[in-house]
Amino acid sequence: APARKLKLREVLEEIGVSRASFYRMRARGQAPRITYLPNGLIRIS
């Protein structure tokens, strides 16, 4: 089966951080790898 892709909201709930904190983590290279969908939404496997 293909890897399940999680919505950003689901990931934020699981790791317990705000959206702003997640984007700060991404800027520092400390966030999980993301995938952009063609419509601009973010998914994380």
ModelCIF file with pLDDT and N, C-alpha, C, O atoms, coordinates in Angstrom:
data_MODEL
#
_entry.id   MODEL 
#
_entity.id                         1 
_entity.type                       polymer 
_entity.pdbx_number_of_molecules   1 
#
_entity_poly.entity_id                      1 
_entity_poly.type                           'polypeptide(L)' 
_entity_poly.nstd_linkage                   no 
_entity_poly.nstd_monomer                   no 
_entity_poly.pdbx_seq_one_letter_code       APARKLKLREVLEEIGVSRASFYRMRARGQAPRITYLPNGLIRIS 
_entity_poly.pdbx_seq_one_letter_code_can   APARKLKLREVLEEIGVSRASFYRMRARGQAPRITYLPNGLIRIS 
_entity_poly.pdbx_strand_id                 A 
#
loop_
_entity_poly_seq.entity_id 
_entity_poly_seq.num 
_entity_poly_seq.mon_id 
_entity_poly_seq.hetero 
1 1  ALA n 
1 2  PRO n 
1 3  ALA n 
1 4  ARG n 
1 5  LYS n 
1 6  LEU n 
1 7  LYS n 
1 8  LEU n 
1 9  ARG n 
1 10 GLU n 
1 11 VAL n 
1 12 LEU n 
1 13 GLU n 
1 14 GLU n 
1 15 ILE n 
1 16 GLY n 
1 17 VAL n 
1 18 SER n 
1 19 ARG n 
1 20 ALA n 
1 21 SER n 
1 22 PHE n 
1 23 TYR n 
1 24 ARG n 
1 25 MET n 
1 26 ARG n 
1 27 ALA n 
1 28 ARG n 
1 29 GLY n 
1 30 GLN n 
1 31 ALA n 
1 32 PRO n 
1 33 ARG n 
1 34 ILE n 
1 35 THR n 
1 36 TYR n 
1 37 LEU n 
1 38 PRO n 
1 39 ASN n 
1 40 GLY n 
1 41 LEU n 
1 42 ILE n 
1 43 ARG n 
1 44 ILE n 
1 45 SER n 
#
_struct_asym.id          A 
_struct_asym.entity_id   1 
#
loop_
_ma_qa_metric.id 
_ma_qa_metric.mode 
_ma_qa_metric.name 
_ma_qa_metric.software_group_id 
_ma_qa_metric.type 
1 global pLDDT . pLDDT 
2 local  pLDDT . pLDDT 
#
_ma_qa_metric_global.metric_id      1 
_ma_qa_metric_global.metric_value   93.58 
_ma_qa_metric_global.model_id       1 
_ma_qa_metric_global.ordinal_id     1 
#
loop_
_ma_qa_metric_local.label_asym_id 
_ma_qa_metric_local.label_comp_id 
_ma_qa_metric_local.label_seq_id 
_ma_qa_metric_local.metric_id 
_ma_qa_metric_local.metric_value 
_ma_qa_metric_local.model_id 
_ma_qa_metric_local.ordinal_id 
A ALA 1  2 64.00 1 1  
A PRO 2  2 70.00 1 2  
A ALA 3  2 76.00 1 3  
A ARG 4  2 89.00 1 4  
A LYS 5  2 95.00 1 5  
A LEU 6  2 96.00 1 6  
A LYS 7  2 96.00 1 7  
A LEU 8  2 96.00 1 8  
A ARG 9  2 96.00 1 9  
A GLU 10 2 97.00 1 10 
A VAL 11 2 97.00 1 11 
A LEU 12 2 97.00 1 12 
A GLU 13 2 97.00 1 13 
A GLU 14 2 95.00 1 14 
A ILE 15 2 94.00 1 15 
A GLY 16 2 96.00 1 16 
A VAL 17 2 96.00 1 17 
A SER 18 2 97.00 1 18 
A ARG 19 2 96.00 1 19 
A ALA 20 2 97.00 1 20 
A SER 21 2 96.00 1 21 
A PHE 22 2 96.00 1 22 
A TYR 23 2 95.00 1 23 
A ARG 24 2 97.00 1 24 
A MET 25 2 95.00 1 25 
A ARG 26 2 94.00 1 26 
A ALA 27 2 96.00 1 27 
A ARG 28 2 96.00 1 28 
A GLY 29 2 93.00 1 29 
A GLN 30 2 92.00 1 30 
A ALA 31 2 94.00 1 31 
A PRO 32 2 94.00 1 32 
A ARG 33 2 94.00 1 33 
A ILE 34 2 94.00 1 34 
A THR 35 2 94.00 1 35 
A TYR 36 2 95.00 1 36 
A LEU 37 2 95.00 1 37 
A PRO 38 2 96.00 1 38 
A ASN 39 2 95.00 1 39 
A GLY 40 2 94.00 1 40 
A LEU 41 2 95.00 1 41 
A ILE 42 2 94.00 1 42 
A ARG 43 2 97.00 1 43 
A ILE 44 2 97.00 1 44 
A SER 45 2 96.00 1 45 
#
loop_
_atom_site.group_PDB 
_atom_site.id 
_atom_site.type_symbol 
_atom_site.label_atom_id 
_atom_site.label_alt_id 
_atom_site.label_comp_id 
_atom_site.label_asym_id 
_atom_site.label_entity_id 
_atom_site.label_seq_id 
_atom_site.pdbx_PDB_ins_code 
_atom_site.Cartn_x 
_atom_site.Cartn_y 
_atom_site.Cartn_z 
_atom_site.occupancy 
_atom_site.B_iso_or_equiv 
_atom_site.pdbx_formal_charge 
_atom_site.auth_seq_id 
_atom_site.auth_comp_id 
_atom_site.auth_asym_id 
_atom_site.auth_atom_id 
_atom_site.pdbx_PDB_model_num 
ATOM 1   N N  . ALA A 1 1  ? 0.837  -1.197 0.000  1.00 64.00 ? 1  ALA A N  1 
ATOM 2   C CA . ALA A 1 1  ? 0.000  0.000  0.000  1.00 64.00 ? 1  ALA A CA 1 
ATOM 3   C C  . ALA A 1 1  ? 0.879  1.256  0.000  1.00 64.00 ? 1  ALA A C  1 
ATOM 4   O O  . ALA A 1 1  ? 1.946  1.273  0.612  1.00 64.00 ? 1  ALA A O  1 
ATOM 5   N N  . PRO A 1 2  ? 0.422  2.306  -0.690 1.00 70.00 ? 2  PRO A N  1 
ATOM 6   C CA . PRO A 1 2  ? 1.192  3.555  -0.682 1.00 70.00 ? 2  PRO A CA 1 
ATOM 7   C C  . PRO A 1 2  ? 1.225  4.158  0.722  1.00 70.00 ? 2  PRO A C  1 
ATOM 8   O O  . PRO A 1 2  ? 0.315  3.950  1.524  1.00 70.00 ? 2  PRO A O  1 
ATOM 9   N N  . ALA A 1 3  ? 2.285  4.903  0.999  1.00 76.00 ? 3  ALA A N  1 
ATOM 10  C CA . ALA A 1 3  ? 2.431  5.548  2.312  1.00 76.00 ? 3  ALA A CA 1 
ATOM 11  C C  . ALA A 1 3  ? 1.292  6.541  2.534  1.00 76.00 ? 3  ALA A C  1 
ATOM 12  O O  . ALA A 1 3  ? 0.916  7.290  1.632  1.00 76.00 ? 3  ALA A O  1 
ATOM 13  N N  . ARG A 1 4  ? 0.761  6.531  3.731  1.00 89.00 ? 4  ARG A N  1 
ATOM 14  C CA . ARG A 1 4  ? -0.326 7.442  4.070  1.00 89.00 ? 4  ARG A CA 1 
ATOM 15  C C  . ARG A 1 4  ? 0.230  8.860  4.157  1.00 89.00 ? 4  ARG A C  1 
ATOM 16  O O  . ARG A 1 4  ? 1.271  9.090  4.771  1.00 89.00 ? 4  ARG A O  1 
ATOM 17  N N  . LYS A 1 5  ? -0.460 9.791  3.549  1.00 95.00 ? 5  LYS A N  1 
ATOM 18  C CA . LYS A 1 5  ? -0.079 11.200 3.589  1.00 95.00 ? 5  LYS A CA 1 
ATOM 19  C C  . LYS A 1 5  ? -0.978 11.919 4.585  1.00 95.00 ? 5  LYS A C  1 
ATOM 20  O O  . LYS A 1 5  ? -2.202 11.841 4.488  1.00 95.00 ? 5  LYS A O  1 
ATOM 21  N N  . LEU A 1 6  ? -0.382 12.609 5.532  1.00 96.00 ? 6  LEU A N  1 
ATOM 22  C CA . LEU A 1 6  ? -1.114 13.323 6.566  1.00 96.00 ? 6  LEU A CA 1 
ATOM 23  C C  . LEU A 1 6  ? -1.272 14.788 6.193  1.00 96.00 ? 6  LEU A C  1 
ATOM 24  O O  . LEU A 1 6  ? -0.389 15.385 5.577  1.00 96.00 ? 6  LEU A O  1 
ATOM 25  N N  . LYS A 1 7  ? -2.403 15.355 6.574  1.00 96.00 ? 7  LYS A N  1 
ATOM 26  C CA . LYS A 1 7  ? -2.618 16.783 6.396  1.00 96.00 ? 7  LYS A CA 1 
ATOM 27  C C  . LYS A 1 7  ? -1.797 17.516 7.442  1.00 96.00 ? 7  LYS A C  1 
ATOM 28  O O  . LYS A 1 7  ? -1.502 16.969 8.505  1.00 96.00 ? 7  LYS A O  1 
ATOM 29  N N  . LEU A 1 8  ? -1.429 18.759 7.137  1.00 96.00 ? 8  LEU A N  1 
ATOM 30  C CA . LEU A 1 8  ? -0.639 19.550 8.069  1.00 96.00 ? 8  LEU A CA 1 
ATOM 31  C C  . LEU A 1 8  ? -1.351 19.659 9.421  1.00 96.00 ? 8  LEU A C  1 
ATOM 32  O O  . LEU A 1 8  ? -0.706 19.582 10.467 1.00 96.00 ? 8  LEU A O  1 
ATOM 33  N N  . ARG A 1 9  ? -2.642 19.833 9.406  1.00 96.00 ? 9  ARG A N  1 
ATOM 34  C CA . ARG A 1 9  ? -3.425 19.946 10.642 1.00 96.00 ? 9  ARG A CA 1 
ATOM 35  C C  . ARG A 1 9  ? -3.256 18.709 11.512 1.00 96.00 ? 9  ARG A C  1 
ATOM 36  O O  . ARG A 1 9  ? -3.119 18.816 12.730 1.00 96.00 ? 9  ARG A O  1 
ATOM 37  N N  . GLU A 1 10 ? -3.265 17.535 10.887 1.00 97.00 ? 10 GLU A N  1 
ATOM 38  C CA . GLU A 1 10 ? -3.087 16.283 11.627 1.00 97.00 ? 10 GLU A CA 1 
ATOM 39  C C  . GLU A 1 10 ? -1.702 16.205 12.265 1.00 97.00 ? 10 GLU A C  1 
ATOM 40  O O  . GLU A 1 10 ? -1.553 15.767 13.406 1.00 97.00 ? 10 GLU A O  1 
ATOM 41  N N  . VAL A 1 11 ? -0.696 16.636 11.511 1.00 97.00 ? 11 VAL A N  1 
ATOM 42  C CA . VAL A 1 11 ? 0.673  16.609 12.023 1.00 97.00 ? 11 VAL A CA 1 
ATOM 43  C C  . VAL A 1 11 ? 0.825  17.586 13.179 1.00 97.00 ? 11 VAL A C  1 
ATOM 44  O O  . VAL A 1 11 ? 1.451  17.261 14.188 1.00 97.00 ? 11 VAL A O  1 
ATOM 45  N N  . LEU A 1 12 ? 0.256  18.782 13.042 1.00 97.00 ? 12 LEU A N  1 
ATOM 46  C CA . LEU A 1 12 ? 0.344  19.781 14.108 1.00 97.00 ? 12 LEU A CA 1 
ATOM 47  C C  . LEU A 1 12 ? -0.295 19.269 15.388 1.00 97.00 ? 12 LEU A C  1 
ATOM 48  O O  . LEU A 1 12 ? 0.237  19.486 16.477 1.00 97.00 ? 12 LEU A O  1 
ATOM 49  N N  . GLU A 1 13 ? -1.428 18.592 15.268 1.00 97.00 ? 13 GLU A N  1 
ATOM 50  C CA . GLU A 1 13 ? -2.088 18.015 16.440 1.00 97.00 ? 13 GLU A CA 1 
ATOM 51  C C  . GLU A 1 13 ? -1.218 16.937 17.077 1.00 97.00 ? 13 GLU A C  1 
ATOM 52  O O  . GLU A 1 13 ? -1.103 16.872 18.300 1.00 97.00 ? 13 GLU A O  1 
ATOM 53  N N  . GLU A 1 14 ? -0.606 16.090 16.248 1.00 95.00 ? 14 GLU A N  1 
ATOM 54  C CA . GLU A 1 14 ? 0.197  14.992 16.783 1.00 95.00 ? 14 GLU A CA 1 
ATOM 55  C C  . GLU A 1 14 ? 1.455  15.484 17.493 1.00 95.00 ? 14 GLU A C  1 
ATOM 56  O O  . GLU A 1 14 ? 1.796  14.985 18.566 1.00 95.00 ? 14 GLU A O  1 
ATOM 57  N N  . ILE A 1 15 ? 2.144  16.457 16.902 1.00 94.00 ? 15 ILE A N  1 
ATOM 58  C CA . ILE A 1 15 ? 3.392  16.898 17.522 1.00 94.00 ? 15 ILE A CA 1 
ATOM 59  C C  . ILE A 1 15 ? 3.165  18.012 18.540 1.00 94.00 ? 15 ILE A C  1 
ATOM 60  O O  . ILE A 1 15 ? 4.081  18.364 19.283 1.00 94.00 ? 15 ILE A O  1 
ATOM 61  N N  . GLY A 1 16 ? 1.962  18.567 18.584 1.00 96.00 ? 16 GLY A N  1 
ATOM 62  C CA . GLY A 1 16 ? 1.610  19.531 19.613 1.00 96.00 ? 16 GLY A CA 1 
ATOM 63  C C  . GLY A 1 16 ? 2.234  20.898 19.471 1.00 96.00 ? 16 GLY A C  1 
ATOM 64  O O  . GLY A 1 16 ? 2.630  21.511 20.462 1.00 96.00 ? 16 GLY A O  1 
ATOM 65  N N  . VAL A 1 17 ? 2.327  21.386 18.235 1.00 96.00 ? 17 VAL A N  1 
ATOM 66  C CA . VAL A 1 17 ? 2.847  22.734 18.009 1.00 96.00 ? 17 VAL A CA 1 
ATOM 67  C C  . VAL A 1 17 ? 1.876  23.522 17.138 1.00 96.00 ? 17 VAL A C  1 
ATOM 68  O O  . VAL A 1 17 ? 1.019  22.957 16.459 1.00 96.00 ? 17 VAL A O  1 
ATOM 69  N N  . SER A 1 18 ? 2.035  24.834 17.178 1.00 97.00 ? 18 SER A N  1 
ATOM 70  C CA . SER A 1 18 ? 1.201  25.698 16.345 1.00 97.00 ? 18 SER A CA 1 
ATOM 71  C C  . SER A 1 18 ? 1.738  25.708 14.916 1.00 97.00 ? 18 SER A C  1 
ATOM 72  O O  . SER A 1 18 ? 2.852  25.256 14.651 1.00 97.00 ? 18 SER A O  1 
ATOM 73  N N  . ARG A 1 19 ? 0.937  26.224 14.019 1.00 96.00 ? 19 ARG A N  1 
ATOM 74  C CA . ARG A 1 19 ? 1.361  26.339 12.616 1.00 96.00 ? 19 ARG A CA 1 
ATOM 75  C C  . ARG A 1 19 ? 2.598  27.235 12.508 1.00 96.00 ? 19 ARG A C  1 
ATOM 76  O O  . ARG A 1 19 ? 3.527  26.926 11.763 1.00 96.00 ? 19 ARG A O  1 
ATOM 77  N N  . ALA A 1 20 ? 2.607  28.346 13.254 1.00 97.00 ? 20 ALA A N  1 
ATOM 78  C CA . ALA A 1 20 ? 3.757  29.257 13.220 1.00 97.00 ? 20 ALA A CA 1 
ATOM 79  C C  . ALA A 1 20 ? 5.023  28.562 13.724 1.00 97.00 ? 20 ALA A C  1 
ATOM 80  O O  . ALA A 1 20 ? 6.097  28.733 13.148 1.00 97.00 ? 20 ALA A O  1 
ATOM 81  N N  . SER A 1 21 ? 4.898  27.784 14.789 1.00 96.00 ? 21 SER A N  1 
ATOM 82  C CA . SER A 1 21 ? 6.058  27.049 15.313 1.00 96.00 ? 21 SER A CA 1 
ATOM 83  C C  . SER A 1 21 ? 6.563  26.044 14.292 1.00 96.00 ? 21 SER A C  1 
ATOM 84  O O  . SER A 1 21 ? 7.771  25.873 14.124 1.00 96.00 ? 21 SER A O  1 
ATOM 85  N N  . PHE A 1 22 ? 5.629  25.374 13.604 1.00 96.00 ? 22 PHE A N  1 
ATOM 86  C CA . PHE A 1 22 ? 6.023  24.404 12.590 1.00 96.00 ? 22 PHE A CA 1 
ATOM 87  C C  . PHE A 1 22 ? 6.814  25.089 11.478 1.00 96.00 ? 22 PHE A C  1 
ATOM 88  O O  . PHE A 1 22 ? 7.838  24.564 11.040 1.00 96.00 ? 22 PHE A O  1 
ATOM 89  N N  . TYR A 1 23 ? 6.358  26.242 11.020 1.00 95.00 ? 23 TYR A N  1 
ATOM 90  C CA . TYR A 1 23 ? 7.075  26.947 9.953  1.00 95.00 ? 23 TYR A CA 1 
ATOM 91  C C  . TYR A 1 23 ? 8.431  27.456 10.427 1.00 95.00 ? 23 TYR A C  1 
ATOM 92  O O  . TYR A 1 23 ? 9.370  27.507 9.633  1.00 95.00 ? 23 TYR A O  1 
ATOM 93  N N  . ARG A 1 24 ? 8.563  27.835 11.701 1.00 97.00 ? 24 ARG A N  1 
ATOM 94  C CA . ARG A 1 24 ? 9.875  28.200 12.244 1.00 97.00 ? 24 ARG A CA 1 
ATOM 95  C C  . ARG A 1 24 ? 10.798 26.983 12.262 1.00 97.00 ? 24 ARG A C  1 
ATOM 96  O O  . ARG A 1 24 ? 11.981 27.088 11.938 1.00 97.00 ? 24 ARG A O  1 
ATOM 97  N N  . MET A 1 25 ? 10.248 25.827 12.642 1.00 95.00 ? 25 MET A N  1 
ATOM 98  C CA . MET A 1 25 ? 11.027 24.599 12.632 1.00 95.00 ? 25 MET A CA 1 
ATOM 99  C C  . MET A 1 25 ? 11.497 24.279 11.212 1.00 95.00 ? 25 MET A C  1 
ATOM 100 O O  . MET A 1 25 ? 12.643 23.876 11.009 1.00 95.00 ? 25 MET A O  1 
ATOM 101 N N  . ARG A 1 26 ? 10.619 24.458 10.244 1.00 94.00 ? 26 ARG A N  1 
ATOM 102 C CA . ARG A 1 26 ? 10.982 24.210 8.837  1.00 94.00 ? 26 ARG A CA 1 
ATOM 103 C C  . ARG A 1 26 ? 12.100 25.125 8.396  1.00 94.00 ? 26 ARG A C  1 
ATOM 104 O O  . ARG A 1 26 ? 13.025 24.694 7.708  1.00 94.00 ? 26 ARG A O  1 
ATOM 105 N N  . ALA A 1 27 ? 12.022 26.411 8.794  1.00 96.00 ? 27 ALA A N  1 
ATOM 106 C CA . ALA A 1 27 ? 13.053 27.376 8.399  1.00 96.00 ? 27 ALA A CA 1 
ATOM 107 C C  . ALA A 1 27 ? 14.422 26.999 8.968  1.00 96.00 ? 27 ALA A C  1 
ATOM 108 O O  . ALA A 1 27 ? 15.453 27.297 8.365  1.00 96.00 ? 27 ALA A O  1 
ATOM 109 N N  . ARG A 1 28 ? 14.425 26.346 10.127 1.00 96.00 ? 28 ARG A N  1 
ATOM 110 C CA . ARG A 1 28 ? 15.679 25.907 10.761 1.00 96.00 ? 28 ARG A CA 1 
ATOM 111 C C  . ARG A 1 28 ? 16.092 24.510 10.309 1.00 96.00 ? 28 ARG A C  1 
ATOM 112 O O  . ARG A 1 28 ? 17.136 24.014 10.732 1.00 96.00 ? 28 ARG A O  1 
ATOM 113 N N  . GLY A 1 29 ? 15.289 23.863 9.453  1.00 93.00 ? 29 GLY A N  1 
ATOM 114 C CA . GLY A 1 29 ? 15.601 22.520 8.986  1.00 93.00 ? 29 GLY A CA 1 
ATOM 115 C C  . GLY A 1 29 ? 15.327 21.457 10.026 1.00 93.00 ? 29 GLY A C  1 
ATOM 116 O O  . GLY A 1 29 ? 15.951 20.396 9.999  1.00 93.00 ? 29 GLY A O  1 
ATOM 117 N N  . GLN A 1 30 ? 14.397 21.718 10.955 1.00 92.00 ? 30 GLN A N  1 
ATOM 118 C CA . GLN A 1 30 ? 14.120 20.795 12.052 1.00 92.00 ? 30 GLN A CA 1 
ATOM 119 C C  . GLN A 1 30 ? 12.747 20.139 11.965 1.00 92.00 ? 30 GLN A C  1 
ATOM 120 O O  . GLN A 1 30 ? 12.326 19.477 12.914 1.00 92.00 ? 30 GLN A O  1 
ATOM 121 N N  . ALA A 1 31 ? 12.058 20.301 10.881 1.00 94.00 ? 31 ALA A N  1 
ATOM 122 C CA . ALA A 1 31 ? 10.710 19.746 10.724 1.00 94.00 ? 31 ALA A CA 1 
ATOM 123 C C  . ALA A 1 31 ? 10.764 18.512 9.816  1.00 94.00 ? 31 ALA A C  1 
ATOM 124 O O  . ALA A 1 31 ? 11.727 18.328 9.071  1.00 94.00 ? 31 ALA A O  1 
ATOM 125 N N  . PRO A 1 32 ? 9.733  17.674 9.883  1.00 94.00 ? 32 PRO A N  1 
ATOM 126 C CA . PRO A 1 32 ? 9.696  16.528 8.968  1.00 94.00 ? 32 PRO A CA 1 
ATOM 127 C C  . PRO A 1 32 ? 9.592  16.992 7.517  1.00 94.00 ? 32 PRO A C  1 
ATOM 128 O O  . PRO A 1 32 ? 9.118  18.091 7.228  1.00 94.00 ? 32 PRO A O  1 
ATOM 129 N N  . ARG A 1 33 ? 10.045 16.133 6.622  1.00 94.00 ? 33 ARG A N  1 
ATOM 130 C CA . ARG A 1 33 ? 10.006 16.454 5.190  1.00 94.00 ? 33 ARG A CA 1 
ATOM 131 C C  . ARG A 1 33 ? 8.562  16.600 4.726  1.00 94.00 ? 33 ARG A C  1 
ATOM 132 O O  . ARG A 1 33 ? 7.695  15.831 5.142  1.00 94.00 ? 33 ARG A O  1 
ATOM 133 N N  . ILE A 1 34 ? 8.301  17.569 3.877  1.00 94.00 ? 34 ILE A N  1 
ATOM 134 C CA . ILE A 1 34 ? 6.942  17.820 3.392  1.00 94.00 ? 34 ILE A CA 1 
ATOM 135 C C  . ILE A 1 34 ? 6.863  17.587 1.890  1.00 94.00 ? 34 ILE A C  1 
ATOM 136 O O  . ILE A 1 34 ? 7.873  17.575 1.187  1.00 94.00 ? 34 ILE A O  1 
ATOM 137 N N  . THR A 1 35 ? 5.630  17.401 1.420  1.00 94.00 ? 35 THR A N  1 
ATOM 138 C CA . THR A 1 35 ? 5.326  17.288 0.001  1.00 94.00 ? 35 THR A CA 1 
ATOM 139 C C  . THR A 1 35 ? 4.269  18.319 -0.327 1.00 94.00 ? 35 THR A C  1 
ATOM 140 O O  . THR A 1 35 ? 3.257  18.422 0.366  1.00 94.00 ? 35 THR A O  1 
ATOM 141 N N  . TYR A 1 36 ? 4.502  19.086 -1.387 1.00 95.00 ? 36 TYR A N  1 
ATOM 142 C CA . TYR A 1 36 ? 3.497  20.044 -1.847 1.00 95.00 ? 36 TYR A CA 1 
ATOM 143 C C  . TYR A 1 36 ? 2.629  19.389 -2.909 1.00 95.00 ? 36 TYR A C  1 
ATOM 144 O O  . TYR A 1 36 ? 3.140  18.791 -3.856 1.00 95.00 ? 36 TYR A O  1 
ATOM 145 N N  . LEU A 1 37 ? 1.336  19.501 -2.752 1.00 95.00 ? 37 LEU A N  1 
ATOM 146 C CA . LEU A 1 37 ? 0.410  19.044 -3.783 1.00 95.00 ? 37 LEU A CA 1 
ATOM 147 C C  . LEU A 1 37 ? 0.307  20.113 -4.860 1.00 95.00 ? 37 LEU A C  1 
ATOM 148 O O  . LEU A 1 37 ? 0.677  21.260 -4.610 1.00 95.00 ? 37 LEU A O  1 
ATOM 149 N N  . PRO A 1 38 ? -0.183 19.779 -6.047 1.00 96.00 ? 38 PRO A N  1 
ATOM 150 C CA . PRO A 1 38 ? -0.307 20.765 -7.123 1.00 96.00 ? 38 PRO A CA 1 
ATOM 151 C C  . PRO A 1 38 ? -1.152 21.992 -6.738 1.00 96.00 ? 38 PRO A C  1 
ATOM 152 O O  . PRO A 1 38 ? -0.952 23.079 -7.280 1.00 96.00 ? 38 PRO A O  1 
ATOM 153 N N  . ASN A 1 39 ? -2.086 21.814 -5.814 1.00 95.00 ? 39 ASN A N  1 
ATOM 154 C CA . ASN A 1 39 ? -2.918 22.952 -5.407 1.00 95.00 ? 39 ASN A CA 1 
ATOM 155 C C  . ASN A 1 39 ? -2.290 23.767 -4.277 1.00 95.00 ? 39 ASN A C  1 
ATOM 156 O O  . ASN A 1 39 ? -2.921 24.687 -3.756 1.00 95.00 ? 39 ASN A O  1 
ATOM 157 N N  . GLY A 1 40 ? -1.029 23.433 -3.884 1.00 94.00 ? 40 GLY A N  1 
ATOM 158 C CA . GLY A 1 40 ? -0.307 24.198 -2.886 1.00 94.00 ? 40 GLY A CA 1 
ATOM 159 C C  . GLY A 1 40 ? -0.449 23.686 -1.458 1.00 94.00 ? 40 GLY A C  1 
ATOM 160 O O  . GLY A 1 40 ? 0.215  24.188 -0.551 1.00 94.00 ? 40 GLY A O  1 
ATOM 161 N N  . LEU A 1 41 ? -1.307 22.694 -1.252 1.00 95.00 ? 41 LEU A N  1 
ATOM 162 C CA . LEU A 1 41 ? -1.469 22.144 0.085  1.00 95.00 ? 41 LEU A CA 1 
ATOM 163 C C  . LEU A 1 41 ? -0.260 21.297 0.459  1.00 95.00 ? 41 LEU A C  1 
ATOM 164 O O  . LEU A 1 41 ? 0.448  20.784 -0.408 1.00 95.00 ? 41 LEU A O  1 
ATOM 165 N N  . ILE A 1 42 ? -0.036 21.159 1.748  1.00 94.00 ? 42 ILE A N  1 
ATOM 166 C CA . ILE A 1 42 ? 1.105  20.402 2.256  1.00 94.00 ? 42 ILE A CA 1 
ATOM 167 C C  . ILE A 1 42 ? 0.636  19.058 2.774  1.00 94.00 ? 42 ILE A C  1 
ATOM 168 O O  . ILE A 1 42 ? -0.406 18.960 3.421  1.00 94.00 ? 42 ILE A O  1 
ATOM 169 N N  . ARG A 1 43 ? 1.417  18.016 2.482  1.00 97.00 ? 43 ARG A N  1 
ATOM 170 C CA . ARG A 1 43 ? 1.187  16.691 3.030  1.00 97.00 ? 43 ARG A CA 1 
ATOM 171 C C  . ARG A 1 43 ? 2.519  16.172 3.561  1.00 97.00 ? 43 ARG A C  1 
ATOM 172 O O  . ARG A 1 43 ? 3.587  16.506 3.049  1.00 97.00 ? 43 ARG A O  1 
ATOM 173 N N  . ILE A 1 44 ? 2.427  15.348 4.600  1.00 97.00 ? 44 ILE A N  1 
ATOM 174 C CA . ILE A 1 44 ? 3.613  14.736 5.197  1.00 97.00 ? 44 ILE A CA 1 
ATOM 175 C C  . ILE A 1 44 ? 3.335  13.243 5.297  1.00 97.00 ? 44 ILE A C  1 
ATOM 176 O O  . ILE A 1 44 ? 2.305  12.831 5.831  1.00 97.00 ? 44 ILE A O  1 
ATOM 177 N N  . SER A 1 45 ? 4.245  12.444 4.787  1.00 96.00 ? 45 SER A N  1 
ATOM 178 C CA . SER A 1 45 ? 4.005  11.001 4.813  1.00 96.00 ? 45 SER A CA 1 
ATOM 179 C C  . SER A 1 45 ? 4.181  10.475 6.231  1.00 96.00 ? 45 SER A C  1 
ATOM 180 O O  . SER A 1 45 ? 4.023  9.277  6.470  1.00 96.00 ? 45 SER A O  1 
#
